[in-house]
Amino acid sequence: MLITLHSGREVYLRDLNQSHTYAGLLLGVPNREYNQDLISQFRQTAQQEMHTHYAFVVTPPVLDVLDADGRKRTSHRGKPVERIPYIACTALFRSNGVMREGDEDIAFASILAAVWFQETFALPIDEAVLERIKAIDWDRLAEAWCP
């Protein structure tokens, strides 16, 4: 999949791994703290699996969980039940464009790992997420890569 960033740089979706966001939640309900831990875990997983030093995270929307009467659910401890989208995506993007440092070309390819969450399995990538990906400051975040 080819994506043209707002900067004009073309990047390719090289690898895509997907899983259920809450696959490891065996007991209880998600809340803000649990979701923040999950996001951090998926970022670390992306860095390890994609062999990068950094993974860009598209901040997921926080969604309320409602009961049958349409009221926000709370846990038995009184914390609001909040969830993020059901599918976690970790990806590696690659650009064949030159990376420059000052006046020097330092690499003829670059990579960036990314993490996002959406309601259904990709592809396609959720439109709101895709817009955030297109806005990435590639030159600042990507790593030089030599194939």
Foldseek 3Di string as FASTA:
>chain_A
DWAQAPVRFIKDFDDKDKDWLVPPVPDWAAADVNVVVSQVVVFVVLCVVVVHPGEAEDDFDKAFDADPVRHGDATPVRGTGIDTATMKMKTKMKTQCFQDDVPDGDARMWMHIYIYHHNDDDDVDPPVVSNVVSHDPCNVGIDHDDD
